[in-house]
Amino acid sequence: MESTDAWNYKMGPVLADCFKTSEIKSIIQEVMNEKLQGKIYVADEARRLVQDISDTIIANIHENVNMMRYKYVAQVFLGQQTGAGLNYSGMCCWDANADSQVSDVFSSPNMFCVCTVFGSYLY
């Protein structure tokens, strides 16, 4: 019986298929700058803007980054600059050898945005 790649179980991603942190961070920066540069924080528009940013980031990752067998989650936090402090934390249960995340921050005089993209490898 012939052995094919389709029948082999993958124990994890090969080096070329690992989470591409720098490429995804570039996409996050590009999308946040495009969507937020020159804008003023308006509470009524924040929900739509956050959804648009996360959808665009995920679409750009699927189009431009070749990482098979990963599921992506984009978490976007948008707020008004009021001088108050903010603590931001995330916690996941994942495989430290294959799964990863990358974050970036956009800041202007009247708003800030924190975006984190999580990548979970599908075995």
PDB file of N, CA and C in Angstrom:
ATOM      1  N   MET A   1       0.844  -1.182   0.000  1.00  0.00           N
ATOM      2  CA  MET A   1       0.000   0.000   0.000  1.00  0.00           C
ATOM      3  C   MET A   1       0.891   1.247   0.000  1.00  0.00           C
ATOM      4  N   GLU A   2       0.567   2.196  -0.859  1.00  0.00           N
ATOM      5  CA  GLU A   2       1.369   3.412  -0.979  1.00  0.00           C
ATOM      6  C   GLU A   2       1.022   4.393   0.139  1.00  0.00           C
ATOM      7  N   SER A   3       2.033   5.052   0.624  1.00  0.00           N
ATOM      8  CA  SER A   3       1.834   6.066   1.643  1.00  0.00           C
ATOM      9  C   SER A   3       1.768   7.436   0.968  1.00  0.00           C
ATOM     10  N   THR A   4       0.736   8.182   1.261  1.00  0.00           N
ATOM     11  CA  THR A   4       0.606   9.528   0.711  1.00  0.00           C
ATOM     12  C   THR A   4       0.576  10.524   1.853  1.00  0.00           C
ATOM     13  N   ASP A   5       0.832  11.771   1.524  1.00  0.00           N
ATOM     14  CA  ASP A   5       0.805  12.833   2.527  1.00  0.00           C
ATOM     15  C   ASP A   5      -0.575  12.988   3.167  1.00  0.00           C
ATOM     16  N   ALA A   6      -1.626  12.677   2.410  1.00  0.00           N
ATOM     17  CA  ALA A   6      -2.993  12.836   2.906  1.00  0.00           C
ATOM     18  C   ALA A   6      -3.277  11.901   4.072  1.00  0.00           C
ATOM     19  N   TRP A   7      -2.546  10.795   4.166  1.00  0.00           N
ATOM     20  CA  TRP A   7      -2.807   9.814   5.213  1.00  0.00           C
ATOM     21  C   TRP A   7      -1.900  10.000   6.423  1.00  0.00           C
ATOM     22  N   ASN A   8      -0.959  10.900   6.350  1.00  0.00           N
ATOM     23  CA  ASN A   8      -0.042  11.128   7.464  1.00  0.00           C
ATOM     24  C   ASN A   8      -0.620  12.133   8.436  1.00  0.00           C
ATOM     25  N   TYR A   9      -0.524  11.816   9.712  1.00  0.00           N
ATOM     26  CA  TYR A   9      -0.988  12.719  10.764  1.00  0.00           C
ATOM     27  C   TYR A   9       0.094  13.755  11.031  1.00  0.00           C
ATOM     28  N   LYS A  10      -0.274  15.012  11.093  1.00  0.00           N
ATOM     29  CA  LYS A  10       0.693  16.077  11.341  1.00  0.00           C
ATOM     30  C   LYS A  10       0.736  16.369  12.838  1.00  0.00           C
ATOM     31  N   MET A  11       1.926  16.316  13.382  1.00  0.00           N
ATOM     32  CA  MET A  11       2.116  16.571  14.810  1.00  0.00           C
ATOM     33  C   MET A  11       2.226  18.066  15.106  1.00  0.00           C
ATOM     34  N   GLY A  12       2.320  18.874  14.088  1.00  0.00           N
ATOM     35  CA  GLY A  12       2.421  20.312  14.258  1.00  0.00           C
ATOM     36  C   GLY A  12       2.841  20.940  12.950  1.00  0.00           C
ATOM     37  N   PRO A  13       2.851  22.243  12.895  1.00  0.00           N
ATOM     38  CA  PRO A  13       3.230  22.902  11.643  1.00  0.00           C
ATOM     39  C   PRO A  13       4.735  22.786  11.381  1.00  0.00           C
ATOM     40  N   VAL A  14       5.086  22.648  10.120  1.00  0.00           N
ATOM     41  CA  VAL A  14       6.498  22.726   9.756  1.00  0.00           C
ATOM     42  C   VAL A  14       6.911  24.189   9.853  1.00  0.00           C
ATOM     43  N   LEU A  15       8.197  24.449   9.879  1.00  0.00           N
ATOM     44  CA  LEU A  15       8.694  25.808  10.087  1.00  0.00           C
ATOM     45  C   LEU A  15       8.096  26.813   9.103  1.00  0.00           C
ATOM     46  N   ALA A  16       7.949  26.430   7.846  1.00  0.00           N
ATOM     47  CA  ALA A  16       7.415  27.337   6.826  1.00  0.00           C
ATOM     48  C   ALA A  16       5.944  27.670   7.049  1.00  0.00           C
ATOM     49  N   ASP A  17       5.227  26.820   7.796  1.00  0.00           N
ATOM     50  CA  ASP A  17       3.792  27.030   8.026  1.00  0.00           C
ATOM     51  C   ASP A  17       3.477  27.635   9.382  1.00  0.00           C
ATOM     52  N   CYS A  18       4.487  27.995  10.163  1.00  0.00           N
ATOM     53  CA  CYS A  18       4.250  28.561  11.495  1.00  0.00           C
ATOM     54  C   CYS A  18       3.601  29.941  11.407  1.00  0.00           C
ATOM     55  N   PHE A  19       3.069  30.379  12.523  1.00  0.00           N
ATOM     56  CA  PHE A  19       2.396  31.670  12.627  1.00  0.00           C
ATOM     57  C   PHE A  19       3.362  32.781  12.221  1.00  0.00           C
ATOM     58  N   LYS A  20       2.972  33.580  11.250  1.00  0.00           N
ATOM     59  CA  LYS A  20       3.845  34.613  10.674  1.00  0.00           C
ATOM     60  C   LYS A  20       3.580  35.961  11.354  1.00  0.00           C
ATOM     61  N   THR A  21       4.187  36.107  12.510  1.00  0.00           N
ATOM     62  CA  THR A  21       3.951  37.261  13.371  1.00  0.00           C
ATOM     63  C   THR A  21       4.211  38.586  12.680  1.00  0.00           C
ATOM     64  N   SER A  22       5.352  38.735  12.023  1.00  0.00           N
ATOM     65  CA  SER A  22       5.700  40.032  11.431  1.00  0.00           C
ATOM     66  C   SER A  22       4.758  40.409  10.289  1.00  0.00           C
ATOM     67  N   GLU A  23       4.357  39.446   9.467  1.00  0.00           N
ATOM     68  CA  GLU A  23       3.432  39.738   8.366  1.00  0.00           C
ATOM     69  C   GLU A  23       2.057  40.146   8.898  1.00  0.00           C
ATOM     70  N   ILE A  24       1.602  39.449   9.931  1.00  0.00           N
ATOM     71  CA  ILE A  24       0.284  39.766  10.497  1.00  0.00           C
ATOM     72  C   ILE A  24       0.322  41.103  11.222  1.00  0.00           C
ATOM     73  N   LYS A  25       1.413  41.397  11.911  1.00  0.00           N
ATOM     74  CA  LYS A  25       1.537  42.704  12.582  1.00  0.00           C
ATOM     75  C   LYS A  25       1.502  43.836  11.557  1.00  0.00           C
ATOM     76  N   SER A  26       2.134  43.645  10.410  1.00  0.00           N
ATOM     77  CA  SER A  26       2.088  44.655   9.342  1.00  0.00           C
ATOM     78  C   SER A  26       0.660  44.876   8.852  1.00  0.00           C
ATOM     79  N   ILE A  27      -0.096  43.793   8.720  1.00  0.00           N
ATOM     80  CA  ILE A  27      -1.503  43.912   8.293  1.00  0.00           C
ATOM     81  C   ILE A  27      -2.305  44.671   9.338  1.00  0.00           C
ATOM     82  N   ILE A  28      -2.101  44.356  10.603  1.00  0.00           N
ATOM     83  CA  ILE A  28      -2.818  45.052  11.684  1.00  0.00           C
ATOM     84  C   ILE A  28      -2.517  46.549  11.632  1.00  0.00           C
ATOM     85  N   GLN A  29      -1.238  46.909  11.537  1.00  0.00           N
ATOM     86  CA  GLN A  29      -0.842  48.325  11.492  1.00  0.00           C
ATOM     87  C   GLN A  29      -1.449  49.031  10.287  1.00  0.00           C
ATOM     88  N   GLU A  30      -1.381  48.389   9.144  1.00  0.00           N
ATOM     89  CA  GLU A  30      -1.902  48.974   7.906  1.00  0.00           C
ATOM     90  C   GLU A  30      -3.403  49.236   7.997  1.00  0.00           C
ATOM     91  N   VAL A  31      -4.155  48.250   8.476  1.00  0.00           N
ATOM     92  CA  VAL A  31      -5.615  48.387   8.565  1.00  0.00           C
ATOM     93  C   VAL A  31      -5.996  49.437   9.601  1.00  0.00           C
ATOM     94  N   MET A  32      -5.360  49.414  10.774  1.00  0.00           N
ATOM     95  CA  MET A  32      -5.704  50.404  11.800  1.00  0.00           C
ATOM     96  C   MET A  32      -5.384  51.815  11.322  1.00  0.00           C
ATOM     97  N   ASN A  33      -4.249  52.018  10.670  1.00  0.00           N
ATOM     98  CA  ASN A  33      -3.920  53.348  10.147  1.00  0.00           C
ATOM     99  C   ASN A  33      -4.920  53.787   9.083  1.00  0.00           C
ATOM    100  N   GLU A  34      -5.276  52.870   8.187  1.00  0.00           N
ATOM    101  CA  GLU A  34      -6.226  53.184   7.118  1.00  0.00           C
ATOM    102  C   GLU A  34      -7.607  53.557   7.669  1.00  0.00           C
ATOM    103  N   LYS A  35      -8.072  52.825   8.672  1.00  0.00           N
ATOM    104  CA  LYS A  35      -9.435  53.016   9.194  1.00  0.00           C
ATOM    105  C   LYS A  35      -9.536  54.119  10.241  1.00  0.00           C
ATOM    106  N   LEU A  36      -8.423  54.435  10.929  1.00  0.00           N
ATOM    107  CA  LEU A  36      -8.511  55.346  12.071  1.00  0.00           C
ATOM    108  C   LEU A  36      -7.783  56.672  11.906  1.00  0.00           C
ATOM    109  N   GLN A  37      -6.845  56.747  10.969  1.00  0.00           N
ATOM    110  CA  GLN A  37      -6.063  57.972  10.793  1.00  0.00           C
ATOM    111  C   GLN A  37      -6.985  59.156  10.494  1.00  0.00           C
ATOM    112  N   GLY A  38      -6.848  60.220  11.287  1.00  0.00           N
ATOM    113  CA  GLY A  38      -7.619  61.436  11.068  1.00  0.00           C
ATOM    114  C   GLY A  38      -9.053  61.384  11.572  1.00  0.00           C
ATOM    115  N   LYS A  39      -9.464  60.284  12.197  1.00  0.00           N
ATOM    116  CA  LYS A  39     -10.847  60.163  12.702  1.00  0.00           C
ATOM    117  C   LYS A  39     -10.941  60.660  14.131  1.00  0.00           C
ATOM    118  N   ILE A  40     -12.140  61.050  14.499  1.00  0.00           N
ATOM    119  CA  ILE A  40     -12.457  61.473  15.857  1.00  0.00           C
ATOM    120  C   ILE A  40     -13.340  60.404  16.480  1.00  0.00           C
ATOM    121  N   TYR A  41     -13.125  60.097  17.745  1.00  0.00           N
ATOM    122  CA  TYR A  41     -13.919  59.068  18.426  1.00  0.00           C
ATOM    123  C   TYR A  41     -15.373  59.524  18.556  1.00  0.00           C
ATOM    124  N   VAL A  42     -16.267  58.705  18.038  1.00  0.00           N
ATOM    125  CA  VAL A  42     -17.711  58.919  18.174  1.00  0.00           C
ATOM    126  C   VAL A  42     -18.288  57.611  18.702  1.00  0.00           C
ATOM    127  N   ALA A  43     -18.860  57.655  19.897  1.00  0.00           N
ATOM    128  CA  ALA A  43     -19.337  56.440  20.561  1.00  0.00           C
ATOM    129  C   ALA A  43     -20.348  55.670  19.710  1.00  0.00           C
ATOM    130  N   ASP A  44     -21.222  56.383  19.008  1.00  0.00           N
ATOM    131  CA  ASP A  44     -22.255  55.720  18.202  1.00  0.00           C
ATOM    132  C   ASP A  44     -21.675  54.978  16.995  1.00  0.00           C
ATOM    133  N   GLU A  45     -20.485  55.343  16.560  1.00  0.00           N
ATOM    134  CA  GLU A  45     -19.863  54.696  15.406  1.00  0.00           C
ATOM    135  C   GLU A  45     -18.828  53.644  15.810  1.00  0.00           C
ATOM    136  N   ALA A  46     -18.501  53.552  17.082  1.00  0.00           N
ATOM    137  CA  ALA A  46     -17.425  52.676  17.546  1.00  0.00           C
ATOM    138  C   ALA A  46     -17.698  51.207  17.234  1.00  0.00           C
ATOM    139  N   ARG A  47     -18.907  50.747  17.454  1.00  0.00           N
ATOM    140  CA  ARG A  47     -19.233  49.337  17.210  1.00  0.00           C
ATOM    141  C   ARG A  47     -19.026  48.964  15.748  1.00  0.00           C
ATOM    142  N   ARG A  48     -19.504  49.783  14.836  1.00  0.00           N
ATOM    143  CA  ARG A  48     -19.337  49.520  13.402  1.00  0.00           C
ATOM    144  C   ARG A  48     -17.870  49.566  13.009  1.00  0.00           C
ATOM    145  N   LEU A  49     -17.155  50.516  13.553  1.00  0.00           N
ATOM    146  CA  LEU A  49     -15.740  50.679  13.232  1.00  0.00           C
ATOM    147  C   LEU A  49     -14.910  49.482  13.715  1.00  0.00           C
ATOM    148  N   VAL A  50     -15.179  49.012  14.926  1.00  0.00           N
ATOM    149  CA  VAL A  50     -14.476  47.854  15.474  1.00  0.00           C
ATOM    150  C   VAL A  50     -14.759  46.608  14.623  1.00  0.00           C
ATOM    151  N   GLN A  51     -16.005  46.410  14.230  1.00  0.00           N
ATOM    152  CA  GLN A  51     -16.363  45.264  13.388  1.00  0.00           C
ATOM    153  C   GLN A  51     -15.678  45.352  12.031  1.00  0.00           C
ATOM    154  N   ASP A  52     -15.639  46.547  11.462  1.00  0.00           N
ATOM    155  CA  ASP A  52     -14.994  46.754  10.167  1.00  0.00           C
ATOM    156  C   ASP A  52     -13.493  46.467  10.243  1.00  0.00           C
ATOM    157  N   ILE A  53     -12.847  46.934  11.297  1.00  0.00           N
ATOM    158  CA  ILE A  53     -11.412  46.705  11.476  1.00  0.00           C
ATOM    159  C   ILE A  53     -11.123  45.213  11.603  1.00  0.00           C
ATOM    160  N   SER A  54     -11.856  44.519  12.464  1.00  0.00           N
ATOM    161  CA  SER A  54     -11.593  43.089  12.662  1.00  0.00           C
ATOM    162  C   SER A  54     -11.880  42.277  11.400  1.00  0.00           C
ATOM    163  N   ASP A  55     -12.975  42.577  10.702  1.00  0.00           N
ATOM    164  CA  ASP A  55     -13.299  41.865   9.461  1.00  0.00           C
ATOM    165  C   ASP A  55     -12.233  42.093   8.393  1.00  0.00           C
ATOM    166  N   THR A  56     -11.761  43.326   8.269  1.00  0.00           N
ATOM    167  CA  THR A  56     -10.751  43.655   7.264  1.00  0.00           C
ATOM    168  C   THR A  56      -9.421  42.967   7.577  1.00  0.00           C
ATOM    169  N   ILE A  57      -9.037  42.938   8.836  1.00  0.00           N
ATOM    170  CA  ILE A  57      -7.788  42.279   9.222  1.00  0.00           C
ATOM    171  C   ILE A  57      -7.845  40.792   8.904  1.00  0.00           C
ATOM    172  N   ILE A  58      -8.925  40.128   9.274  1.00  0.00           N
ATOM    173  CA  ILE A  58      -9.052  38.688   9.001  1.00  0.00           C
ATOM    174  C   ILE A  58      -9.066  38.431   7.496  1.00  0.00           C
ATOM    175  N   ALA A  59      -9.789  39.244   6.729  1.00  0.00           N
ATOM    176  CA  ALA A  59      -9.829  39.068   5.271  1.00  0.00           C
ATOM    177  C   ALA A  59      -8.437  39.249   4.659  1.00  0.00           C
ATOM    178  N   ASN A  60      -7.698  40.249   5.122  1.00  0.00           N
ATOM    179  CA  ASN A  60      -6.344  40.487   4.600  1.00  0.00           C
ATOM    180  C   ASN A  60      -5.388  39.352   4.964  1.00  0.00           C
ATOM    181  N   ILE A  61      -5.546  38.772   6.132  1.00  0.00           N
ATOM    182  CA  ILE A  61      -4.708  37.634   6.511  1.00  0.00           C
ATOM    183  C   ILE A  61      -4.988  36.455   5.583  1.00  0.00           C
ATOM    184  N   HIS A  62      -6.264  36.164   5.349  1.00  0.00           N
ATOM    185  CA  HIS A  62      -6.622  35.051   4.466  1.00  0.00           C
ATOM    186  C   HIS A  62      -6.116  35.266   3.040  1.00  0.00           C
ATOM    187  N   GLU A  63      -6.138  36.509   2.572  1.00  0.00           N
ATOM    188  CA  GLU A  63      -5.717  36.810   1.199  1.00  0.00           C
ATOM    189  C   GLU A  63      -4.197  36.860   1.034  1.00  0.00           C
ATOM    190  N   ASN A  64      -3.484  37.362   2.034  1.00  0.00           N
ATOM    191  CA  ASN A  64      -2.073  37.692   1.850  1.00  0.00           C
ATOM    192  C   ASN A  64      -1.070  36.836   2.607  1.00  0.00           C
ATOM    193  N   VAL A  65      -1.512  36.070   3.578  1.00  0.00           N
ATOM    194  CA  VAL A  65      -0.588  35.273   4.376  1.00  0.00           C
ATOM    195  C   VAL A  65      -0.919  33.800   4.174  1.00  0.00           C
ATOM    196  N   ASN A  66       0.049  33.056   3.692  1.00  0.00           N
ATOM    197  CA  ASN A  66      -0.169  31.653   3.392  1.00  0.00           C
ATOM    198  C   ASN A  66       0.148  30.804   4.620  1.00  0.00           C
ATOM    199  N   MET A  67      -0.853  30.569   5.444  1.00  0.00           N
ATOM    200  CA  MET A  67      -0.707  29.727   6.625  1.00  0.00           C
ATOM    201  C   MET A  67      -1.879  28.748   6.644  1.00  0.00           C
ATOM    202  N   MET A  68      -1.637  27.557   6.159  1.00  0.00           N
ATOM    203  CA  MET A  68      -2.681  26.553   6.127  1.00  0.00           C
ATOM    204  C   MET A  68      -2.929  26.026   7.537  1.00  0.00           C
ATOM    205  N   ARG A  69      -4.133  25.608   7.791  1.00  0.00           N
ATOM    206  CA  ARG A  69      -4.533  24.939   9.025  1.00  0.00           C
ATOM    207  C   ARG A  69      -4.534  25.829  10.262  1.00  0.00           C
ATOM    208  N   TYR A  70      -4.647  27.142  10.076  1.00  0.00           N
ATOM    209  CA  TYR A  70      -4.772  28.043  11.219  1.00  0.00           C
ATOM    210  C   TYR A  70      -6.158  28.665  11.235  1.00  0.00           C
ATOM    211  N   LYS A  71      -6.701  28.815  12.428  1.00  0.00           N
ATOM    212  CA  LYS A  71      -7.925  29.575  12.628  1.00  0.00           C
ATOM    213  C   LYS A  71      -7.510  30.876  13.292  1.00  0.00           C
ATOM    214  N   TYR A  72      -8.067  31.981  12.808  1.00  0.00           N
ATOM    215  CA  TYR A  72      -7.687  33.303  13.309  1.00  0.00           C
ATOM    216  C   TYR A  72      -8.851  33.936  14.058  1.00  0.00           C
ATOM    217  N   VAL A  73      -8.511  34.648  15.107  1.00  0.00           N
ATOM    218  CA  VAL A  73      -9.481  35.441  15.848  1.00  0.00           C
ATOM    219  C   VAL A  73      -8.873  36.823  16.031  1.00  0.00           C
ATOM    220  N   ALA A  74      -9.591  37.856  15.617  1.00  0.00           N
ATOM    221  CA  ALA A  74      -9.123  39.231  15.802  1.00  0.00           C
ATOM    222  C   ALA A  74      -9.962  39.881  16.901  1.00  0.00           C
ATOM    223  N   GLN A  75      -9.286  40.387  17.902  1.00  0.00           N
ATOM    224  CA  GLN A  75      -9.943  41.076  19.007  1.00  0.00           C
ATOM    225  C   GLN A  75      -9.532  42.544  18.934  1.00  0.00           C
ATOM    226  N   VAL A  76     -10.514  43.436  18.815  1.00  0.00           N
ATOM    227  CA  VAL A  76     -10.243  44.866  18.660  1.00  0.00           C
ATOM    228  C   VAL A  76     -10.905  45.618  19.808  1.00  0.00           C
ATOM    229  N   PHE A  77     -10.129  46.474  20.442  1.00  0.00           N
ATOM    230  CA  PHE A  77     -10.608  47.303  21.547  1.00  0.00           C
ATOM    231  C   PHE A  77     -10.383  48.752  21.164  1.00  0.00           C
ATOM    232  N   LEU A  78     -11.451  49.539  21.099  1.00  0.00           N
ATOM    233  CA  LEU A  78     -11.387  50.941  20.694  1.00  0.00           C
ATOM    234  C   LEU A  78     -11.913  51.807  21.827  1.00  0.00           C
ATOM    235  N   GLY A  79     -11.184  52.862  22.145  1.00  0.00           N
ATOM    236  CA  GLY A  79     -11.620  53.735  23.229  1.00  0.00           C
ATOM    237  C   GLY A  79     -11.249  55.177  22.984  1.00  0.00           C
ATOM    238  N   GLN A  80     -11.872  56.041  23.772  1.00  0.00           N
ATOM    239  CA  GLN A  80     -11.618  57.475  23.685  1.00  0.00           C
ATOM    240  C   GLN A  80     -10.466  57.837  24.615  1.00  0.00           C
ATOM    241  N   GLN A  81      -9.577  58.715  24.147  1.00  0.00           N
ATOM    242  CA  GLN A  81      -8.478  59.201  24.982  1.00  0.00           C
ATOM    243  C   GLN A  81      -9.054  60.214  25.961  1.00  0.00           C
ATOM    244  N   THR A  82      -9.117  59.816  27.236  1.00  0.00           N
ATOM    245  CA  THR A  82      -9.618  60.729  28.261  1.00  0.00           C
ATOM    246  C   THR A  82      -8.607  60.946  29.376  1.00  0.00           C
ATOM    247  N   GLY A  83      -7.445  60.321  29.260  1.00  0.00           N
ATOM    248  CA  GLY A  83      -6.431  60.450  30.296  1.00  0.00           C
ATOM    249  C   GLY A  83      -6.529  59.374  31.363  1.00  0.00           C
ATOM    250  N   ALA A  84      -7.549  58.532  31.281  1.00  0.00           N
ATOM    251  CA  ALA A  84      -7.697  57.455  32.259  1.00  0.00           C
ATOM    252  C   ALA A  84      -6.799  56.288  31.870  1.00  0.00           C
ATOM    253  N   GLY A  85      -6.482  55.464  32.834  1.00  0.00           N
ATOM    254  CA  GLY A  85      -5.662  54.282  32.572  1.00  0.00           C
ATOM    255  C   GLY A  85      -6.513  53.128  32.067  1.00  0.00           C
ATOM    256  N   LEU A  86      -5.850  52.142  31.474  1.00  0.00           N
ATOM    257  CA  LEU A  86      -6.543  50.969  30.959  1.00  0.00           C
ATOM    258  C   LEU A  86      -5.636  49.758  31.128  1.00  0.00           C
ATOM    259  N   ASN A  87      -6.183  48.697  31.664  1.00  0.00           N
ATOM    260  CA  ASN A  87      -5.484  47.421  31.717  1.00  0.00           C
ATOM    261  C   ASN A  87      -6.153  46.496  30.729  1.00  0.00           C
ATOM    262  N   TYR A  88      -5.346  45.823  29.928  1.00  0.00           N
ATOM    263  CA  TYR A  88      -5.845  44.938  28.878  1.00  0.00           C
ATOM    264  C   TYR A  88      -5.165  43.593  29.054  1.00  0.00           C
ATOM    265  N   SER A  89      -5.949  42.531  29.126  1.00  0.00           N
ATOM    266  CA  SER A  89      -5.375  41.215  29.352  1.00  0.00           C
ATOM    267  C   SER A  89      -6.159  40.176  28.566  1.00  0.00           C
ATOM    268  N   GLY A  90      -5.490  39.139  28.164  1.00  0.00           N
ATOM    269  CA  GLY A  90      -6.153  38.037  27.477  1.00  0.00           C
ATOM    270  C   GLY A  90      -5.590  36.719  27.964  1.00  0.00           C
ATOM    271  N   MET A  91      -6.397  35.675  27.921  1.00  0.00           N
ATOM    272  CA  MET A  91      -5.944  34.375  28.360  1.00  0.00           C
ATOM    273  C   MET A  91      -6.561  33.309  27.478  1.00  0.00           C
ATOM    274  N   CYS A  92      -5.752  32.364  27.051  1.00  0.00           N
ATOM    275  CA  CYS A  92      -6.232  31.295  26.188  1.00  0.00           C
ATOM    276  C   CYS A  92      -5.601  29.982  26.616  1.00  0.00           C
ATOM    277  N   CYS A  93      -6.260  28.915  26.262  1.00  0.00           N
ATOM    278  CA  CYS A  93      -5.701  27.587  26.454  1.00  0.00           C
ATOM    279  C   CYS A  93      -5.288  27.098  25.075  1.00  0.00           C
ATOM    280  N   TRP A  94      -3.984  26.919  24.869  1.00  0.00           N
ATOM    281  CA  TRP A  94      -3.533  26.526  23.552  1.00  0.00           C
ATOM    282  C   TRP A  94      -2.216  25.776  23.595  1.00  0.00           C
ATOM    283  N   ASP A  95      -1.778  25.359  22.430  1.00  0.00           N
ATOM    284  CA  ASP A  95      -0.525  24.651  22.269  1.00  0.00           C
ATOM    285  C   ASP A  95       0.586  25.688  22.081  1.00  0.00           C
ATOM    286  N   ALA A  96       1.462  25.806  23.046  1.00  0.00           N
ATOM    287  CA  ALA A  96       2.507  26.828  22.999  1.00  0.00           C
ATOM    288  C   ALA A  96       3.494  26.611  21.859  1.00  0.00           C
ATOM    289  N   ASN A  97       3.579  25.407  21.316  1.00  0.00           N
ATOM    290  CA  ASN A  97       4.506  25.126  20.213  1.00  0.00           C
ATOM    291  C   ASN A  97       3.951  25.543  18.852  1.00  0.00           C
ATOM    292  N   ALA A  98       2.636  25.615  18.697  1.00  0.00           N
ATOM    293  CA  ALA A  98       2.056  25.893  17.381  1.00  0.00           C
ATOM    294  C   ALA A  98       1.201  27.161  17.348  1.00  0.00           C
ATOM    295  N   ASP A  99       0.521  27.476  18.429  1.00  0.00           N
ATOM    296  CA  ASP A  99      -0.389  28.615  18.458  1.00  0.00           C
ATOM    297  C   ASP A  99       0.367  29.875  18.868  1.00  0.00           C
ATOM    298  N   SER A 100      -0.156  31.029  18.459  1.00  0.00           N
ATOM    299  CA  SER A 100       0.526  32.270  18.789  1.00  0.00           C
ATOM    300  C   SER A 100      -0.444  33.442  18.720  1.00  0.00           C
ATOM    301  N   GLN A 101       0.073  34.619  19.001  1.00  0.00           N
ATOM    302  CA  GLN A 101      -0.718  35.843  18.918  1.00  0.00           C
ATOM    303  C   GLN A 101       0.207  37.003  18.624  1.00  0.00           C
ATOM    304  N   VAL A 102      -0.383  38.073  18.103  1.00  0.00           N
ATOM    305  CA  VAL A 102       0.372  39.298  17.858  1.00  0.00           C
ATOM    306  C   VAL A 102      -0.573  40.479  18.105  1.00  0.00           C
ATOM    307  N   SER A 103      -0.040  41.546  18.683  1.00  0.00           N
ATOM    308  CA  SER A 103      -0.838  42.729  19.006  1.00  0.00           C
ATOM    309  C   SER A 103      -0.164  43.981  18.486  1.00  0.00           C
ATOM    310  N   ASP A 104      -0.978  45.009  18.306  1.00  0.00           N
ATOM    311  CA  ASP A 104      -0.439  46.323  17.982  1.00  0.00           C
ATOM    312  C   ASP A 104      -1.412  47.379  18.507  1.00  0.00           C
ATOM    313  N   VAL A 105      -0.903  48.594  18.681  1.00  0.00           N
ATOM    314  CA  VAL A 105      -1.687  49.692  19.241  1.00  0.00           C
ATOM    315  C   VAL A 105      -1.659  50.872  18.285  1.00  0.00           C
ATOM    316  N   PHE A 106      -2.829  51.478  18.070  1.00  0.00           N
ATOM    317  CA  PHE A 106      -2.941  52.738  17.337  1.00  0.00           C
ATOM    318  C   PHE A 106      -3.334  53.790  18.361  1.00  0.00           C
ATOM    319  N   SER A 107      -2.699  54.950  18.284  1.00  0.00           N
ATOM    320  CA  SER A 107      -3.018  56.011  19.224  1.00  0.00           C
ATOM    321  C   SER A 107      -3.035  57.352  18.500  1.00  0.00           C
ATOM    322  N   SER A 108      -4.035  58.144  18.821  1.00  0.00           N
ATOM    323  CA  SER A 108      -4.137  59.507  18.309  1.00  0.00           C
ATOM    324  C   SER A 108      -4.539  60.395  19.493  1.00  0.00           C
ATOM    325  N   PRO A 109      -4.583  61.707  19.304  1.00  0.00           N
ATOM    326  CA  PRO A 109      -4.929  62.571  20.437  1.00  0.00           C
ATOM    327  C   PRO A 109      -6.320  62.323  21.031  1.00  0.00           C
ATOM    328  N   ASN A 110      -7.234  61.734  20.265  1.00  0.00           N
ATOM    329  CA  ASN A 110      -8.587  61.559  20.803  1.00  0.00           C
ATOM    330  C   ASN A 110      -9.075  60.119  20.880  1.00  0.00           C
ATOM    331  N   MET A 111      -8.289  59.134  20.375  1.00  0.00           N
ATOM    332  CA  MET A 111      -8.709  57.739  20.496  1.00  0.00           C
ATOM    333  C   MET A 111      -7.506  56.808  20.491  1.00  0.00           C
ATOM    334  N   PHE A 112      -7.768  55.579  20.948  1.00  0.00           N
ATOM    335  CA  PHE A 112      -6.754  54.533  20.894  1.00  0.00           C
ATOM    336  C   PHE A 112      -7.435  53.235  20.466  1.00  0.00           C
ATOM    337  N   CYS A 113      -6.642  52.353  19.897  1.00  0.00           N
ATOM    338  CA  CYS A 113      -7.164  51.073  19.451  1.00  0.00           C
ATOM    339  C   CYS A 113      -6.102  50.013  19.700  1.00  0.00           C
ATOM    340  N   VAL A 114      -6.500  48.921  20.330  1.00  0.00           N
ATOM    341  CA  VAL A 114      -5.615  47.789  20.570  1.00  0.00           C
ATOM    342  C   VAL A 114      -6.200  46.607  19.806  1.00  0.00           C
ATOM    343  N   CYS A 115      -5.386  45.998  18.961  1.00  0.00           N
ATOM    344  CA  CYS A 115      -5.840  44.844  18.186  1.00  0.00           C
ATOM    345  C   CYS A 115      -4.911  43.668  18.459  1.00  0.00           C
ATOM    346  N   THR A 116      -5.505  42.516  18.753  1.00  0.00           N
ATOM    347  CA  THR A 116      -4.764  41.286  18.942  1.00  0.00           C
ATOM    348  C   THR A 116      -5.323  40.243  17.999  1.00  0.00           C
ATOM    349  N   VAL A 117      -4.445  39.564  17.271  1.00  0.00           N
ATOM    350  CA  VAL A 117      -4.853  38.454  16.411  1.00  0.00           C
ATOM    351  C   VAL A 117      -4.273  37.182  17.007  1.00  0.00           C
ATOM    352  N   PHE A 118      -5.158  36.232  17.291  1.00  0.00           N
ATOM    353  CA  PHE A 118      -4.762  34.931  17.811  1.00  0.00           C
ATOM    354  C   PHE A 118      -4.782  33.945  16.647  1.00  0.00           C
ATOM    355  N   GLY A 119      -3.800  33.082  16.595  1.00  0.00           N
ATOM    356  CA  GLY A 119      -3.742  32.033  15.580  1.00  0.00           C
ATOM    357  C   GLY A 119      -3.666  30.689  16.252  1.00  0.00           C
ATOM    358  N   SER A 120      -4.658  29.842  15.987  1.00  0.00           N
ATOM    359  CA  SER A 120      -4.717  28.519  16.589  1.00  0.00           C
ATOM    360  C   SER A 120      -4.556  27.470  15.497  1.00  0.00           C
ATOM    361  N   TYR A 121      -3.563  26.616  15.644  1.00  0.00           N
ATOM    362  CA  TYR A 121      -3.265  25.587  14.658  1.00  0.00           C
ATOM    363  C   TYR A 121      -4.278  24.445  14.779  1.00  0.00           C
ATOM    364  N   LEU A 122      -4.837  24.027  13.665  1.00  0.00           N
ATOM    365  CA  LEU A 122      -5.823  22.945  13.652  1.00  0.00           C
ATOM    366  C   LEU A 122      -5.119  21.635  13.330  1.00  0.00           C
ATOM    367  N   TYR A 123      -5.087  20.736  14.285  1.00  0.00           N
ATOM    368  CA  TYR A 123      -4.440  19.434  14.082  1.00  0.00           C
ATOM    369  C   TYR A 123      -5.341  18.508  13.310  1.00  0.00           C
TER     370      TYR A 123
END
